[in-house]
Protein backbone atom coordinates (compact mmCIF):
# COMPACT_ATOMS: atom_id res chain seq x y z
CA MET A 1 4.96 -1.75 31.28
CA ASP A 2 1.60 0.09 31.03
CA LYS A 3 -1.67 -0.87 32.72
CA ARG A 4 -3.07 -2.43 29.56
CA GLU A 5 -0.09 -4.73 29.11
CA ILE A 6 -0.21 -5.70 32.80
CA ARG A 7 -3.89 -6.63 32.43
CA LEU A 8 -3.22 -8.70 29.30
CA ARG A 9 -0.35 -10.54 30.94
CA GLU A 10 -2.46 -11.26 34.04
CA ALA A 11 -5.28 -12.71 31.92
CA LEU A 12 -2.85 -14.96 30.08
CA ARG A 13 -1.20 -16.01 33.36
CA ASN A 14 -4.59 -16.96 34.78
CA ALA A 15 -5.35 -18.99 31.66
CA LEU A 16 -2.07 -20.84 31.96
CA GLY A 17 -2.82 -21.63 35.61
CA ALA A 18 -6.27 -22.89 34.65
CA TRP A 19 -4.78 -25.13 31.96
CA VAL A 20 -2.32 -26.61 34.47
CA ALA A 21 -5.16 -27.23 36.91
CA ASP A 22 -7.27 -28.90 34.22
CA THR A 23 -4.48 -31.22 33.18
CA ALA A 24 -4.11 -32.21 36.84
CA GLY A 25 -7.74 -33.25 36.95
CA GLU A 26 -9.17 -30.13 38.57
CA THR A 27 -11.94 -28.01 37.11
CA SER A 28 -11.43 -24.35 36.23
CA SER A 29 -13.98 -21.68 35.44
CA PRO A 30 -14.82 -21.24 31.71
CA ALA A 31 -14.71 -17.51 32.38
CA VAL A 32 -10.93 -17.73 32.82
CA TYR A 33 -10.53 -19.14 29.31
CA ALA A 34 -12.95 -16.59 27.86
CA GLU A 35 -10.94 -13.80 29.46
CA ALA A 36 -7.72 -15.24 28.04
CA GLU A 37 -9.17 -15.57 24.52
CA ALA A 38 -10.28 -11.95 24.62
CA ALA A 39 -6.84 -10.90 25.84
CA ILE A 40 -5.10 -12.81 23.05
CA ALA A 41 -7.40 -11.29 20.41
CA GLU A 42 -6.77 -7.79 21.78
CA SER A 43 -3.04 -8.37 21.87
CA GLU A 44 -2.96 -9.63 18.26
CA ALA A 45 -5.01 -6.65 17.09
CA ALA A 46 -2.62 -4.29 18.84
CA THR A 47 0.50 -5.82 17.34
CA SER A 48 -0.78 -6.51 13.80
CA PRO A 49 0.31 -3.94 11.18
CA HIS A 50 -2.46 -1.51 10.29
CA PRO A 51 -3.14 -0.71 6.64
CA LEU A 52 -1.51 2.48 5.44
CA GLU A 53 -4.36 4.68 4.28
CA ILE A 54 -4.00 7.93 2.40
CA THR A 55 -5.99 10.80 3.89
CA HIS A 56 -7.38 13.92 2.24
CA ALA A 57 -4.54 15.95 3.72
CA ILE A 58 -1.84 13.61 2.43
CA LEU A 59 -3.29 13.43 -1.07
CA GLN A 60 -3.70 17.20 -1.16
CA ALA A 61 -0.07 17.68 -0.15
CA ILE A 62 1.08 15.42 -3.00
CA MET A 63 -1.44 16.54 -5.63
CA PRO A 64 -2.40 20.11 -4.69
CA HIS A 65 -4.33 20.71 -7.91
CA LEU A 66 -6.72 17.80 -7.38
CA SER A 67 -10.14 19.18 -6.43
CA PRO A 68 -11.75 18.30 -3.06
CA ASN A 69 -14.65 16.60 -4.87
CA LYS A 70 -12.32 14.35 -6.82
CA ARG A 71 -10.30 13.58 -3.71
CA SER A 72 -13.48 12.39 -2.03
CA LEU A 73 -14.43 10.34 -5.09
CA TYR A 74 -11.04 8.74 -5.58
CA LEU A 75 -9.70 8.11 -2.07
CA PRO A 76 -11.76 5.00 -1.14
CA ASN A 77 -10.93 3.19 -4.39
CA LEU A 78 -7.33 4.41 -4.38
CA ASN A 79 -6.77 3.07 -0.87
CA ALA A 80 -8.55 -0.19 -1.66
CA ALA A 81 -6.42 -0.79 -4.77
CA MET A 82 -3.18 -0.02 -2.96
CA GLN A 83 -4.00 -2.48 -0.19
CA LYS A 84 -5.06 -5.16 -2.66
CA PHE A 85 -1.82 -4.92 -4.62
CA GLU A 86 0.48 -4.55 -1.60
CA ILE A 87 1.33 -0.90 -2.17
CA ASN A 88 1.30 -0.70 1.59
CA THR A 89 4.48 0.96 2.86
CA PRO A 90 5.42 4.65 2.75
CA LEU A 91 8.09 4.02 0.11
CA ARG A 92 5.75 2.03 -2.12
CA VAL A 93 2.89 4.49 -1.72
CA ALA A 94 5.16 7.48 -2.37
CA ALA A 95 6.55 5.99 -5.59
CA PHE A 96 3.10 4.87 -6.80
CA LEU A 97 1.43 8.23 -6.15
CA ALA A 98 4.33 10.12 -7.70
CA GLN A 99 4.11 8.12 -10.89
CA ILE A 100 0.34 8.30 -11.29
CA ALA A 101 0.37 12.01 -10.41
CA HIS A 102 2.61 12.67 -13.39
CA GLU A 103 0.91 10.21 -15.73
CA SER A 104 -2.58 11.59 -15.10
CA GLY A 105 -1.94 15.28 -14.39
CA GLU A 106 -2.75 14.76 -10.70
CA LEU A 107 -5.65 12.44 -11.56
CA PHE A 108 -7.21 15.07 -13.81
CA TYR A 109 -6.98 12.93 -16.95
CA MET A 110 -8.40 9.43 -16.64
CA GLU A 111 -8.37 8.89 -20.39
CA GLU A 112 -5.92 9.74 -23.11
CA ILE A 113 -6.44 13.10 -24.79
CA TRP A 114 -7.30 12.13 -28.35
CA VAL A 115 -6.30 14.48 -31.18
CA PRO A 116 -5.34 12.12 -32.88
CA THR A 117 -1.60 12.53 -33.08
CA LYS A 118 0.58 10.56 -35.45
CA ALA A 119 1.41 8.16 -32.63
CA GLN A 120 -2.28 7.72 -31.79
CA LYS A 121 -3.13 6.99 -35.41
CA GLY A 122 -0.48 4.31 -35.17
CA TYR A 123 -2.48 2.44 -32.54
CA GLU A 124 -4.80 1.24 -35.27
CA GLY A 125 -3.91 -2.28 -36.39
CA ARG A 126 -1.03 -2.70 -33.97
CA ALA A 127 -0.67 -6.43 -33.35
CA ASP A 128 1.38 -5.95 -30.17
CA LEU A 129 -1.58 -4.10 -28.65
CA GLY A 130 -4.06 -6.67 -29.94
CA ASN A 131 -5.86 -4.03 -31.99
CA THR A 132 -7.17 -6.38 -34.65
CA GLU A 133 -10.51 -4.78 -35.47
CA GLU A 134 -11.25 -1.49 -37.19
CA GLY A 135 -11.57 1.31 -34.67
CA ASP A 136 -9.66 -0.52 -31.92
CA GLY A 137 -7.02 2.22 -31.75
CA TYR A 138 -9.52 4.80 -30.49
CA ARG A 139 -11.79 2.30 -28.73
CA PHE A 140 -8.97 0.99 -26.56
CA ARG A 141 -7.11 4.26 -26.09
CA GLY A 142 -5.26 4.89 -22.84
CA ARG A 143 -7.45 4.97 -19.73
CA GLY A 144 -6.77 5.08 -16.03
CA PRO A 145 -3.86 6.70 -14.18
CA ILE A 146 -1.30 4.42 -15.86
CA GLN A 147 -3.05 4.52 -19.25
CA LEU A 148 -4.19 0.98 -20.00
CA THR A 149 -3.93 0.78 -23.82
CA GLY A 150 -4.90 -1.73 -26.51
CA ARG A 151 -7.50 -4.47 -26.86
CA ALA A 152 -5.09 -7.16 -25.62
CA ASN A 153 -4.37 -5.29 -22.39
CA TYR A 154 -8.04 -4.52 -21.78
CA LYS A 155 -8.73 -8.25 -22.18
CA LYS A 156 -5.80 -9.32 -19.98
CA TYR A 157 -6.46 -6.92 -17.13
CA GLY A 158 -10.21 -7.32 -17.31
CA ASP A 159 -9.89 -11.10 -17.04
CA LEU A 160 -7.52 -10.82 -14.09
CA LEU A 161 -9.83 -8.38 -12.30
CA GLY A 162 -13.06 -10.18 -13.19
CA VAL A 163 -14.61 -7.39 -15.27
CA ASN A 164 -15.30 -7.27 -19.02
CA LEU A 165 -13.29 -4.24 -20.11
CA VAL A 166 -13.44 -5.27 -23.76
CA ALA A 167 -17.23 -5.03 -23.84
CA ASP A 168 -17.21 -1.74 -21.94
CA PRO A 169 -13.81 -0.02 -22.26
CA ASP A 170 -15.03 3.13 -20.48
CA LEU A 171 -15.09 1.18 -17.22
CA ALA A 172 -11.29 1.45 -17.20
CA GLN A 173 -11.52 5.18 -16.52
CA THR A 174 -13.99 4.93 -13.64
CA SER A 175 -12.73 5.31 -10.09
CA THR A 176 -13.56 1.70 -9.28
CA TRP A 177 -11.48 0.12 -12.04
CA ALA A 178 -8.93 2.80 -12.91
CA PHE A 179 -6.99 2.28 -9.69
CA GLN A 180 -7.42 -1.49 -9.87
CA THR A 181 -5.77 -1.65 -13.29
CA ALA A 182 -3.01 0.69 -12.15
CA GLY A 183 -2.40 -1.32 -8.99
CA LEU A 184 -2.35 -4.59 -10.89
CA TYR A 185 0.12 -3.21 -13.43
CA TRP A 186 2.32 -1.89 -10.63
CA ASN A 187 2.35 -5.15 -8.69
CA SER A 188 2.75 -7.46 -11.68
CA HIS A 189 5.70 -5.50 -13.06
CA GLY A 190 7.76 -5.74 -9.87
CA LEU A 191 7.43 -2.06 -9.01
CA ASN A 192 6.83 -2.66 -5.29
CA GLU A 193 10.22 -4.32 -5.04
CA LEU A 194 11.88 -1.46 -6.90
CA ALA A 195 10.16 1.09 -4.66
CA ASP A 196 11.52 -0.72 -1.60
CA GLN A 197 15.06 0.07 -2.76
CA ASN A 198 14.48 3.84 -2.53
CA THR A 199 17.36 4.82 -4.80
CA ASP A 200 17.62 7.20 -7.75
CA GLU A 201 18.27 4.25 -10.04
CA SER A 202 15.31 2.22 -8.79
CA PHE A 203 13.01 5.20 -9.34
CA ARG A 204 14.39 5.57 -12.87
CA LEU A 205 13.65 1.89 -13.50
CA ILE A 206 10.09 2.32 -12.22
CA THR A 207 9.69 5.23 -14.64
CA LYS A 208 11.01 3.18 -17.54
CA ARG A 209 8.68 0.27 -16.83
CA ILE A 210 5.71 2.62 -16.86
CA ASN A 211 6.72 5.09 -19.56
CA GLY A 212 9.02 2.99 -21.72
CA GLY A 213 11.65 5.70 -21.25
CA PHE A 214 12.33 8.57 -18.89
CA ASN A 215 9.86 11.19 -20.08
CA GLY A 216 8.95 13.60 -17.31
CA LEU A 217 11.49 12.12 -14.89
CA ALA A 218 12.14 15.41 -13.11
CA ASP A 219 8.41 15.98 -12.62
CA ARG A 220 7.97 12.45 -11.28
CA GLN A 221 10.85 13.00 -8.86
CA LYS A 222 9.27 16.25 -7.68
CA TYR A 223 6.08 14.38 -6.82
CA TYR A 224 8.11 11.63 -5.16
CA GLU A 225 9.84 14.12 -2.87
CA ALA A 226 6.47 15.67 -1.98
CA ALA A 227 5.01 12.23 -1.26
CA LEU A 228 7.94 11.19 0.95
CA LEU A 229 7.50 14.39 2.92
CA ALA A 230 3.74 14.02 3.23
CA LEU A 231 4.11 10.41 4.41
CA GLY A 232 6.68 11.33 7.03
CA VAL A 233 9.60 9.56 5.38
CA LYS A 234 11.56 12.83 5.20
């Protein structure tokens, strides 16, 4: 038992003695209770789990091609989004970062590269994406590290996050909202629970729920291994 724990235990013991004295009709010093309250608060702070925050060094180890300036820009909002959507364990963080690293070219692309390809031309008028107005295909092209796509999704995620992404679609590629949409997608599609399993099959399922298939699986796995190593899991 270290000195700090001894001091905390002594403060709590004194408070218990004061409570016994008070219930017996005696009067104890308020300072004893104040000391006990401070000890309890300190003890709770020491034993409560601390948020897992990604540092510059960790992000660089996982995404070595991401520039220092972008790391500085993205880290606060990346960490905030991960905490908000419970991506808060090494396994969850590793899987999340691995997937968005592949999807965005290590956070280099925050919007879909528009050619347009045949598939991109097909966005226009797609009812399943909610693209009901002329120009919606390009207007609501993929943005953010998990590529939010289609008017309906911009409306859905914007409403859930409290921001009007339909009126200003470009917000979805800004650091503030890009990671929020990605975190919300991740959480709402059960990807935290899959990440907890830490198996080859669970990682494949995460990939399928993001990609619709298994495109780039080997590259995603490479990032996953790097993330596990950087986070001290391996």
